[in-house]
């Protein structure tokens, strides 16, 4: 009889352990899964706001964070010619465009909102006649004279320098969002396609002396680490025109860092440049 009692207790103990395991599994399954966020255009690593510094333009800010300048301006309710001023706050909490749905959390549940409907309050603009707006904070837009060249589709690309390829494109989330071409100090940097210079300066960290050229409403190209910039914002350039001297500004060796962006997103320049 004592032996039968002992076996019963062992079975009861095993049953009790099985019940505890089932309770734990059910408890874990009852929790809501973690919300999935759209990490396109490095949204996860992007700050929520940007404070405008002297020399910033809508083009340079959008370039810095991998956004399309028109969408960024629209999201912040800034109209052409996109005049911004130092210390102005630019909101960056948009996912792939101002009209894209953004997923947030509320009470432990994911809620989808539309940033087009719940966008930021209108950015205040200065109405004081005595206020001074810096010239470099006015984003240059393509004028009527360049209308014929501002068309959808890829421009007729050409190589921006004669040097050999020393670093390849590593993807939108990689360390190199373009290609690097070697060369000697002072060698010419050429416009890869016809367009208008929309940024000329050294305000973007890691790019040194930088030029950004707008080719149409889709494509932009950038030329970084120059020693000398030979064109200014607003200038129209022809394909193959010398626009800078190669240098080592913002880097450790003489080279040209070249990028192409389509709708604000970095793309592999080698897929657009002609085969050598």
C-alpha atoms as a PDB file:
ATOM      1  CA  UNK A   1       0.000   0.000   0.000  1.00  0.00           C
ATOM      2  CA  UNK A   2       2.770   2.537   0.769  1.00  0.00           C
ATOM      3  CA  UNK A   3       4.338   1.684  -2.639  1.00  0.00           C
ATOM      4  CA  UNK A   4       1.054   2.439  -4.464  1.00  0.00           C
ATOM      5  CA  UNK A   5       0.794   5.762  -2.638  1.00  0.00           C
ATOM      6  CA  UNK A   6       4.347   6.669  -3.678  1.00  0.00           C
ATOM      7  CA  UNK A   7       3.602   5.939  -7.377  1.00  0.00           C
ATOM      8  CA  UNK A   8       0.461   8.061  -7.192  1.00  0.00           C
ATOM      9  CA  UNK A   9       2.434  10.975  -5.760  1.00  0.00           C
ATOM     10  CA  UNK A  10       5.037  10.696  -8.532  1.00  0.00           C
ATOM     11  CA  UNK A  11       2.334  10.757 -11.237  1.00  0.00           C
ATOM     12  CA  UNK A  12       0.620  13.689  -9.538  1.00  0.00           C
ATOM     13  CA  UNK A  13       3.901  15.602  -9.418  1.00  0.00           C
ATOM     14  CA  UNK A  14       4.517  15.014 -13.128  1.00  0.00           C
ATOM     15  CA  UNK A  15       0.988  16.149 -13.984  1.00  0.00           C
ATOM     16  CA  UNK A  16       1.450  19.289 -11.911  1.00  0.00           C
ATOM     17  CA  UNK A  17       4.698  20.120 -13.805  1.00  0.00           C
ATOM     18  CA  UNK A  18       2.962  19.628 -17.169  1.00  0.00           C
ATOM     19  CA  UNK A  19       0.151  21.977 -16.121  1.00  0.00           C
ATOM     20  CA  UNK A  20       2.668  24.657 -15.086  1.00  0.00           C
ATOM     21  CA  UNK A  21       4.447  24.398 -18.460  1.00  0.00           C
ATOM     22  CA  UNK A  22       1.136  24.786 -20.307  1.00  0.00           C
ATOM     23  CA  UNK A  23       0.256  27.891 -18.281  1.00  0.00           C
ATOM     24  CA  UNK A  24       3.643  29.472 -19.104  1.00  0.00           C
ATOM     25  CA  UNK A  25       3.240  28.786 -22.828  1.00  0.00           C
ATOM     26  CA  UNK A  26      -0.270  30.232 -22.926  1.00  0.00           C
ATOM     27  CA  UNK A  27       0.894  33.299 -21.011  1.00  0.00           C
ATOM     28  CA  UNK A  28       3.720  33.941 -23.498  1.00  0.00           C
ATOM     29  CA  UNK A  29       1.445  33.484 -26.489  1.00  0.00           C
ATOM     30  CA  UNK A  30      -1.095  35.949 -25.120  1.00  0.00           C
ATOM     31  CA  UNK A  31       1.301  38.908 -25.375  1.00  0.00           C
ATOM     32  CA  UNK A  32       0.936  41.075 -28.463  1.00  0.00           C
ATOM     33  CA  UNK A  33       3.849  40.725 -30.881  1.00  0.00           C
ATOM     34  CA  UNK A  34       6.265  43.594 -31.150  1.00  0.00           C
ATOM     35  CA  UNK A  35       5.172  46.104 -33.808  1.00  0.00           C
ATOM     36  CA  UNK A  36       7.087  46.026 -37.068  1.00  0.00           C
ATOM     37  CA  UNK A  37       8.428  49.382 -38.168  1.00  0.00           C
ATOM     38  CA  UNK A  38       9.307  50.395 -41.672  1.00  0.00           C
ATOM     39  CA  UNK A  39      13.063  50.967 -41.630  1.00  0.00           C
ATOM     40  CA  UNK A  40      13.251  52.198 -45.215  1.00  0.00           C
ATOM     41  CA  UNK A  41      15.645  55.066 -45.852  1.00  0.00           C
ATOM     42  CA  UNK A  42      17.333  54.399 -42.480  1.00  0.00           C
ATOM     43  CA  UNK A  43      14.247  55.640 -40.610  1.00  0.00           C
ATOM     44  CA  UNK A  44      15.268  53.698 -37.469  1.00  0.00           C
ATOM     45  CA  UNK A  45      18.543  55.632 -37.224  1.00  0.00           C
ATOM     46  CA  UNK A  46      17.154  59.000 -38.261  1.00  0.00           C
ATOM     47  CA  UNK A  47      16.586  61.667 -35.580  1.00  0.00           C
ATOM     48  CA  UNK A  48      13.093  63.084 -35.248  1.00  0.00           C
ATOM     49  CA  UNK A  49      14.155  66.653 -35.960  1.00  0.00           C
ATOM     50  CA  UNK A  50      16.966  68.657 -37.513  1.00  0.00           C
ATOM     51  CA  UNK A  51      17.984  72.121 -36.353  1.00  0.00           C
ATOM     52  CA  UNK A  52      18.838  74.291 -39.340  1.00  0.00           C
ATOM     53  CA  UNK A  53      22.452  75.503 -39.307  1.00  0.00           C
ATOM     54  CA  UNK A  54      23.882  78.356 -41.378  1.00  0.00           C
ATOM     55  CA  UNK A  55      24.411  77.071 -44.906  1.00  0.00           C
ATOM     56  CA  UNK A  56      21.727  74.366 -44.727  1.00  0.00           C
ATOM     57  CA  UNK A  57      19.207  74.093 -47.551  1.00  0.00           C
ATOM     58  CA  UNK A  58      16.273  71.745 -48.062  1.00  0.00           C
ATOM     59  CA  UNK A  59      18.467  69.858 -50.533  1.00  0.00           C
ATOM     60  CA  UNK A  60      21.341  69.384 -48.097  1.00  0.00           C
ATOM     61  CA  UNK A  61      19.057  68.368 -45.221  1.00  0.00           C
ATOM     62  CA  UNK A  62      17.166  65.880 -47.374  1.00  0.00           C
ATOM     63  CA  UNK A  63      20.465  64.514 -48.703  1.00  0.00           C
ATOM     64  CA  UNK A  64      21.858  64.063 -45.208  1.00  0.00           C
ATOM     65  CA  UNK A  65      18.932  61.908 -44.116  1.00  0.00           C
ATOM     66  CA  UNK A  66      18.192  60.104 -47.381  1.00  0.00           C
ATOM     67  CA  UNK A  67      14.886  61.852 -48.075  1.00  0.00           C
ATOM     68  CA  UNK A  68      13.332  63.467 -51.127  1.00  0.00           C
ATOM     69  CA  UNK A  69      13.488  67.220 -50.695  1.00  0.00           C
ATOM     70  CA  UNK A  70       9.993  67.873 -52.088  1.00  0.00           C
ATOM     71  CA  UNK A  71       8.435  65.424 -49.626  1.00  0.00           C
ATOM     72  CA  UNK A  72      10.435  66.804 -46.708  1.00  0.00           C
ATOM     73  CA  UNK A  73       9.410  70.371 -47.562  1.00  0.00           C
ATOM     74  CA  UNK A  74       5.765  69.387 -47.995  1.00  0.00           C
ATOM     75  CA  UNK A  75       5.774  67.495 -44.701  1.00  0.00           C
ATOM     76  CA  UNK A  76       7.062  70.599 -42.939  1.00  0.00           C
ATOM     77  CA  UNK A  77       4.641  72.854 -44.883  1.00  0.00           C
ATOM     78  CA  UNK A  78       7.465  74.823 -46.480  1.00  0.00           C
ATOM     79  CA  UNK A  79       6.584  76.139 -49.927  1.00  0.00           C
ATOM     80  CA  UNK A  80       8.926  76.935 -52.846  1.00  0.00           C
ATOM     81  CA  UNK A  81      11.481  78.479 -52.962  1.00  0.00           C
ATOM     82  CA  UNK A  82      11.954  76.554 -49.682  1.00  0.00           C
ATOM     83  CA  UNK A  83      13.403  79.369 -47.591  1.00  0.00           C
ATOM     84  CA  UNK A  84      14.582  78.199 -44.181  1.00  0.00           C
ATOM     85  CA  UNK A  85      16.434  80.029 -41.442  1.00  0.00           C
ATOM     86  CA  UNK A  86      19.080  79.085 -38.851  1.00  0.00           C
ATOM     87  CA  UNK A  87      17.689  77.484 -35.674  1.00  0.00           C
ATOM     88  CA  UNK A  88      14.466  76.491 -37.466  1.00  0.00           C
ATOM     89  CA  UNK A  89      13.277  72.995 -36.562  1.00  0.00           C
ATOM     90  CA  UNK A  90      12.724  70.602 -39.478  1.00  0.00           C
ATOM     91  CA  UNK A  91      10.729  67.483 -38.650  1.00  0.00           C
ATOM     92  CA  UNK A  92      12.145  64.232 -40.006  1.00  0.00           C
ATOM     93  CA  UNK A  93       9.695  61.708 -38.527  1.00  0.00           C
ATOM     94  CA  UNK A  94       8.315  60.656 -41.879  1.00  0.00           C
ATOM     95  CA  UNK A  95       8.555  57.149 -43.297  1.00  0.00           C
ATOM     96  CA  UNK A  96       9.302  56.991 -46.995  1.00  0.00           C
ATOM     97  CA  UNK A  97       7.348  60.177 -47.715  1.00  0.00           C
ATOM     98  CA  UNK A  98       4.869  62.516 -46.075  1.00  0.00           C
ATOM     99  CA  UNK A  99       1.847  60.458 -47.087  1.00  0.00           C
ATOM    100  CA  UNK A 100       3.186  57.095 -45.924  1.00  0.00           C
ATOM    101  CA  UNK A 101       1.525  55.348 -42.975  1.00  0.00           C
ATOM    102  CA  UNK A 102       3.522  55.496 -39.767  1.00  0.00           C
ATOM    103  CA  UNK A 103       3.187  52.816 -37.125  1.00  0.00           C
ATOM    104  CA  UNK A 104       3.162  53.899 -33.504  1.00  0.00           C
ATOM    105  CA  UNK A 105       2.269  52.327 -30.183  1.00  0.00           C
ATOM    106  CA  UNK A 106      -0.748  53.061 -28.041  1.00  0.00           C
ATOM    107  CA  UNK A 107      -1.582  51.041 -24.968  1.00  0.00           C
ATOM    108  CA  UNK A 108       0.695  48.200 -26.032  1.00  0.00           C
ATOM    109  CA  UNK A 109      -1.028  47.894 -29.440  1.00  0.00           C
ATOM    110  CA  UNK A 110       0.224  49.101 -32.778  1.00  0.00           C
ATOM    111  CA  UNK A 111      -1.854  51.838 -34.364  1.00  0.00           C
ATOM    112  CA  UNK A 112      -1.523  52.978 -37.959  1.00  0.00           C
ATOM    113  CA  UNK A 113      -1.798  56.688 -38.577  1.00  0.00           C
ATOM    114  CA  UNK A 114      -1.423  58.652 -41.766  1.00  0.00           C
ATOM    115  CA  UNK A 115       1.251  61.315 -41.594  1.00  0.00           C
ATOM    116  CA  UNK A 116      -0.481  63.221 -44.379  1.00  0.00           C
ATOM    117  CA  UNK A 117      -3.496  63.659 -42.151  1.00  0.00           C
ATOM    118  CA  UNK A 118      -1.616  64.056 -38.885  1.00  0.00           C
ATOM    119  CA  UNK A 119       1.372  66.029 -40.118  1.00  0.00           C
ATOM    120  CA  UNK A 120       3.232  68.649 -38.132  1.00  0.00           C
ATOM    121  CA  UNK A 121       1.874  72.063 -37.381  1.00  0.00           C
ATOM    122  CA  UNK A 122       2.670  74.652 -39.980  1.00  0.00           C
ATOM    123  CA  UNK A 123       6.245  75.837 -39.676  1.00  0.00           C
ATOM    124  CA  UNK A 124       6.215  79.476 -38.692  1.00  0.00           C
ATOM    125  CA  UNK A 125       7.730  81.790 -41.248  1.00  0.00           C
ATOM    126  CA  UNK A 126       9.158  85.177 -40.556  1.00  0.00           C
ATOM    127  CA  UNK A 127       6.905  88.116 -41.365  1.00  0.00           C
ATOM    128  CA  UNK A 128       9.190  90.728 -39.867  1.00  0.00           C
ATOM    129  CA  UNK A 129      10.507  92.995 -42.625  1.00  0.00           C
ATOM    130  CA  UNK A 130      13.623  93.652 -40.576  1.00  0.00           C
ATOM    131  CA  UNK A 131      14.525  89.986 -40.306  1.00  0.00           C
ATOM    132  CA  UNK A 132      17.441  88.792 -42.426  1.00  0.00           C
ATOM    133  CA  UNK A 133      17.281  85.462 -44.264  1.00  0.00           C
ATOM    134  CA  UNK A 134      20.698  84.104 -45.203  1.00  0.00           C
ATOM    135  CA  UNK A 135      21.228  83.617 -48.903  1.00  0.00           C
ATOM    136  CA  UNK A 136      22.589  80.108 -48.482  1.00  0.00           C
ATOM    137  CA  UNK A 137      19.399  79.004 -46.731  1.00  0.00           C
ATOM    138  CA  UNK A 138      17.325  79.450 -49.874  1.00  0.00           C
ATOM    139  CA  UNK A 139      17.022  76.212 -51.801  1.00  0.00           C
ATOM    140  CA  UNK A 140      17.634  76.719 -55.501  1.00  0.00           C
ATOM    141  CA  UNK A 141      14.949  75.361 -57.790  1.00  0.00           C
ATOM    142  CA  UNK A 142      15.170  74.652 -61.496  1.00  0.00           C
ATOM    143  CA  UNK A 143      14.002  77.683 -63.461  1.00  0.00           C
ATOM    144  CA  UNK A 144      11.927  77.909 -66.598  1.00  0.00           C
ATOM    145  CA  UNK A 145      15.017  78.090 -68.808  1.00  0.00           C
ATOM    146  CA  UNK A 146      15.930  74.549 -67.810  1.00  0.00           C
ATOM    147  CA  UNK A 147      12.454  73.127 -68.318  1.00  0.00           C
ATOM    148  CA  UNK A 148      13.403  71.107 -71.374  1.00  0.00           C
ATOM    149  CA  UNK A 149      16.159  69.257 -69.533  1.00  0.00           C
ATOM    150  CA  UNK A 150      13.978  68.621 -66.489  1.00  0.00           C
ATOM    151  CA  UNK A 151      12.212  65.482 -67.648  1.00  0.00           C
ATOM    152  CA  UNK A 152      11.433  62.131 -66.072  1.00  0.00           C
ATOM    153  CA  UNK A 153      13.842  59.298 -66.704  1.00  0.00           C
ATOM    154  CA  UNK A 154      17.558  58.771 -66.397  1.00  0.00           C
ATOM    155  CA  UNK A 155      19.942  61.421 -67.769  1.00  0.00           C
ATOM    156  CA  UNK A 156      22.729  60.520 -70.183  1.00  0.00           C
ATOM    157  CA  UNK A 157      25.385  59.741 -67.603  1.00  0.00           C
ATOM    158  CA  UNK A 158      29.159  59.951 -68.045  1.00  0.00           C
ATOM    159  CA  UNK A 159      32.036  59.303 -65.690  1.00  0.00           C
ATOM    160  CA  UNK A 160      32.777  62.257 -63.363  1.00  0.00           C
ATOM    161  CA  UNK A 161      36.544  61.607 -63.262  1.00  0.00           C
ATOM    162  CA  UNK A 162      39.221  59.586 -65.055  1.00  0.00           C
ATOM    163  CA  UNK A 163      40.567  57.831 -61.966  1.00  0.00           C
ATOM    164  CA  UNK A 164      40.230  54.143 -61.253  1.00  0.00           C
ATOM    165  CA  UNK A 165      37.501  52.706 -59.035  1.00  0.00           C
ATOM    166  CA  UNK A 166      38.818  52.292 -55.496  1.00  0.00           C
ATOM    167  CA  UNK A 167      35.568  51.713 -53.574  1.00  0.00           C
ATOM    168  CA  UNK A 168      32.210  50.336 -54.678  1.00  0.00           C
ATOM    169  CA  UNK A 169      28.620  51.003 -53.692  1.00  0.00           C
ATOM    170  CA  UNK A 170      27.585  49.143 -50.528  1.00  0.00           C
ATOM    171  CA  UNK A 171      23.855  49.683 -50.578  1.00  0.00           C
ATOM    172  CA  UNK A 172      21.493  52.204 -49.039  1.00  0.00           C
ATOM    173  CA  UNK A 173      22.282  50.960 -45.519  1.00  0.00           C
ATOM    174  CA  UNK A 174      25.996  50.418 -46.167  1.00  0.00           C
ATOM    175  CA  UNK A 175      28.918  52.654 -45.309  1.00  0.00           C
ATOM    176  CA  UNK A 176      29.472  53.730 -48.907  1.00  0.00           C
ATOM    177  CA  UNK A 177      26.384  55.166 -50.580  1.00  0.00           C
ATOM    178  CA  UNK A 178      28.263  55.782 -53.820  1.00  0.00           C
ATOM    179  CA  UNK A 179      31.604  55.003 -55.448  1.00  0.00           C
ATOM    180  CA  UNK A 180      35.095  56.400 -54.906  1.00  0.00           C
ATOM    181  CA  UNK A 181      37.450  57.235 -57.760  1.00  0.00           C
ATOM    182  CA  UNK A 182      41.163  57.724 -57.223  1.00  0.00           C
ATOM    183  CA  UNK A 183      43.213  60.539 -58.685  1.00  0.00           C
ATOM    184  CA  UNK A 184      45.721  63.288 -58.056  1.00  0.00           C
ATOM    185  CA  UNK A 185      45.245  66.587 -56.291  1.00  0.00           C
ATOM    186  CA  UNK A 186      43.739  69.162 -58.631  1.00  0.00           C
ATOM    187  CA  UNK A 187      42.550  66.743 -61.323  1.00  0.00           C
ATOM    188  CA  UNK A 188      39.260  67.829 -62.913  1.00  0.00           C
ATOM    189  CA  UNK A 189      35.893  66.695 -61.582  1.00  0.00           C
ATOM    190  CA  UNK A 190      33.253  66.639 -64.309  1.00  0.00           C
ATOM    191  CA  UNK A 191      29.484  66.954 -64.207  1.00  0.00           C
ATOM    192  CA  UNK A 192      28.145  63.448 -64.828  1.00  0.00           C
ATOM    193  CA  UNK A 193      25.102  64.877 -66.642  1.00  0.00           C
ATOM    194  CA  UNK A 194      23.541  68.248 -67.418  1.00  0.00           C
ATOM    195  CA  UNK A 195      21.689  69.928 -64.580  1.00  0.00           C
ATOM    196  CA  UNK A 196      21.620  72.709 -62.016  1.00  0.00           C
ATOM    197  CA  UNK A 197      23.846  73.070 -58.960  1.00  0.00           C
ATOM    198  CA  UNK A 198      21.575  72.992 -55.919  1.00  0.00           C
ATOM    199  CA  UNK A 199      24.234  72.756 -53.209  1.00  0.00           C
ATOM    200  CA  UNK A 200      27.798  74.035 -53.044  1.00  0.00           C
ATOM    201  CA  UNK A 201      29.531  74.011 -49.685  1.00  0.00           C
ATOM    202  CA  UNK A 202      31.052  72.028 -46.858  1.00  0.00           C
ATOM    203  CA  UNK A 203      28.189  71.793 -44.377  1.00  0.00           C
ATOM    204  CA  UNK A 204      27.573  68.047 -44.641  1.00  0.00           C
ATOM    205  CA  UNK A 205      29.877  66.187 -42.286  1.00  0.00           C
ATOM    206  CA  UNK A 206      31.922  63.488 -43.974  1.00  0.00           C
ATOM    207  CA  UNK A 207      31.612  64.936 -47.480  1.00  0.00           C
ATOM    208  CA  UNK A 208      34.160  67.743 -47.325  1.00  0.00           C
ATOM    209  CA  UNK A 209      33.674  70.323 -50.074  1.00  0.00           C
ATOM    210  CA  UNK A 210      30.542  69.053 -51.775  1.00  0.00           C
ATOM    211  CA  UNK A 211      28.526  69.768 -54.897  1.00  0.00           C
ATOM    212  CA  UNK A 212      25.010  68.450 -55.505  1.00  0.00           C
ATOM    213  CA  UNK A 213      23.543  68.695 -59.002  1.00  0.00           C
ATOM    214  CA  UNK A 214      19.863  68.271 -59.799  1.00  0.00           C
ATOM    215  CA  UNK A 215      19.280  66.645 -63.186  1.00  0.00           C
ATOM    216  CA  UNK A 216      15.486  66.370 -63.096  1.00  0.00           C
ATOM    217  CA  UNK A 217      12.687  65.705 -60.628  1.00  0.00           C
ATOM    218  CA  UNK A 218      14.010  62.180 -60.033  1.00  0.00           C
ATOM    219  CA  UNK A 219      17.813  62.214 -60.145  1.00  0.00           C
ATOM    220  CA  UNK A 220      20.465  64.080 -58.172  1.00  0.00           C
ATOM    221  CA  UNK A 221      24.225  63.508 -58.166  1.00  0.00           C
ATOM    222  CA  UNK A 222      26.887  64.483 -55.655  1.00  0.00           C
ATOM    223  CA  UNK A 223      30.632  65.132 -55.874  1.00  0.00           C
ATOM    224  CA  UNK A 224      32.487  65.091 -52.541  1.00  0.00           C
ATOM    225  CA  UNK A 225      35.962  65.686 -51.044  1.00  0.00           C
ATOM    226  CA  UNK A 226      36.861  68.369 -53.612  1.00  0.00           C
ATOM    227  CA  UNK A 227      39.821  70.688 -53.186  1.00  0.00           C
ATOM    228  CA  UNK A 228      38.151  73.605 -54.971  1.00  0.00           C
ATOM    229  CA  UNK A 229      34.564  74.192 -56.077  1.00  0.00           C
ATOM    230  CA  UNK A 230      34.302  75.933 -59.442  1.00  0.00           C
ATOM    231  CA  UNK A 231      30.532  76.419 -59.605  1.00  0.00           C
ATOM    232  CA  UNK A 232      28.007  77.891 -57.212  1.00  0.00           C
ATOM    233  CA  UNK A 233      24.394  77.236 -56.291  1.00  0.00           C
ATOM    234  CA  UNK A 234      22.032  78.121 -59.101  1.00  0.00           C
ATOM    235  CA  UNK A 235      24.560  77.558 -61.893  1.00  0.00           C
ATOM    236  CA  UNK A 236      23.530  75.375 -64.820  1.00  0.00           C
ATOM    237  CA  UNK A 237      26.177  72.886 -65.912  1.00  0.00           C
ATOM    238  CA  UNK A 238      26.631  70.791 -69.033  1.00  0.00           C
ATOM    239  CA  UNK A 239      27.550  67.126 -69.086  1.00  0.00           C
ATOM    240  CA  UNK A 240      31.333  66.853 -68.928  1.00  0.00           C
ATOM    241  CA  UNK A 241      31.843  70.413 -67.671  1.00  0.00           C
ATOM    242  CA  UNK A 242      34.614  70.862 -65.102  1.00  0.00           C
ATOM    243  CA  UNK A 243      32.874  71.735 -61.847  1.00  0.00           C
ATOM    244  CA  UNK A 244      35.599  71.143 -59.225  1.00  0.00           C
ATOM    245  CA  UNK A 245      39.195  70.153 -58.554  1.00  0.00           C
ATOM    246  CA  UNK A 246      39.734  66.762 -56.947  1.00  0.00           C
ATOM    247  CA  UNK A 247      40.979  66.884 -53.385  1.00  0.00           C
ATOM    248  CA  UNK A 248      40.952  65.266 -49.966  1.00  0.00           C
ATOM    249  CA  UNK A 249      38.640  67.533 -47.959  1.00  0.00           C
ATOM    250  CA  UNK A 250      36.814  65.565 -45.287  1.00  0.00           C
ATOM    251  CA  UNK A 251      38.794  62.375 -45.931  1.00  0.00           C
ATOM    252  CA  UNK A 252      42.271  60.854 -45.639  1.00  0.00           C
ATOM    253  CA  UNK A 253      43.322  60.686 -49.299  1.00  0.00           C
ATOM    254  CA  UNK A 254      42.767  62.384 -52.615  1.00  0.00           C
ATOM    255  CA  UNK A 255      39.668  60.939 -54.265  1.00  0.00           C
ATOM    256  CA  UNK A 256      36.257  61.755 -55.644  1.00  0.00           C
ATOM    257  CA  UNK A 257      33.246  60.345 -53.845  1.00  0.00           C
ATOM    258  CA  UNK A 258      30.382  60.206 -56.334  1.00  0.00           C
ATOM    259  CA  UNK A 259      26.732  59.434 -55.598  1.00  0.00           C
ATOM    260  CA  UNK A 260      23.529  59.172 -57.590  1.00  0.00           C
ATOM    261  CA  UNK A 261      20.217  59.396 -55.778  1.00  0.00           C
ATOM    262  CA  UNK A 262      16.873  58.454 -57.266  1.00  0.00           C
ATOM    263  CA  UNK A 263      13.901  59.984 -55.441  1.00  0.00           C
ATOM    264  CA  UNK A 264      16.241  60.654 -52.509  1.00  0.00           C
ATOM    265  CA  UNK A 265      17.466  57.064 -52.258  1.00  0.00           C
ATOM    266  CA  UNK A 266      21.121  56.159 -53.004  1.00  0.00           C
ATOM    267  CA  UNK A 267      21.536  53.862 -56.010  1.00  0.00           C
ATOM    268  CA  UNK A 268      24.587  52.121 -57.445  1.00  0.00           C
ATOM    269  CA  UNK A 269      26.240  54.548 -59.885  1.00  0.00           C
ATOM    270  CA  UNK A 270      27.814  51.642 -61.787  1.00  0.00           C
ATOM    271  CA  UNK A 271      24.341  50.639 -62.976  1.00  0.00           C
ATOM    272  CA  UNK A 272      23.964  54.041 -64.661  1.00  0.00           C
ATOM    273  CA  UNK A 273      27.469  54.971 -65.818  1.00  0.00           C
ATOM    274  CA  UNK A 274      28.640  53.676 -69.230  1.00  0.00           C
ATOM    275  CA  UNK A 275      30.984  50.705 -69.265  1.00  0.00           C
ATOM    276  CA  UNK A 276      34.627  51.720 -69.491  1.00  0.00           C
END
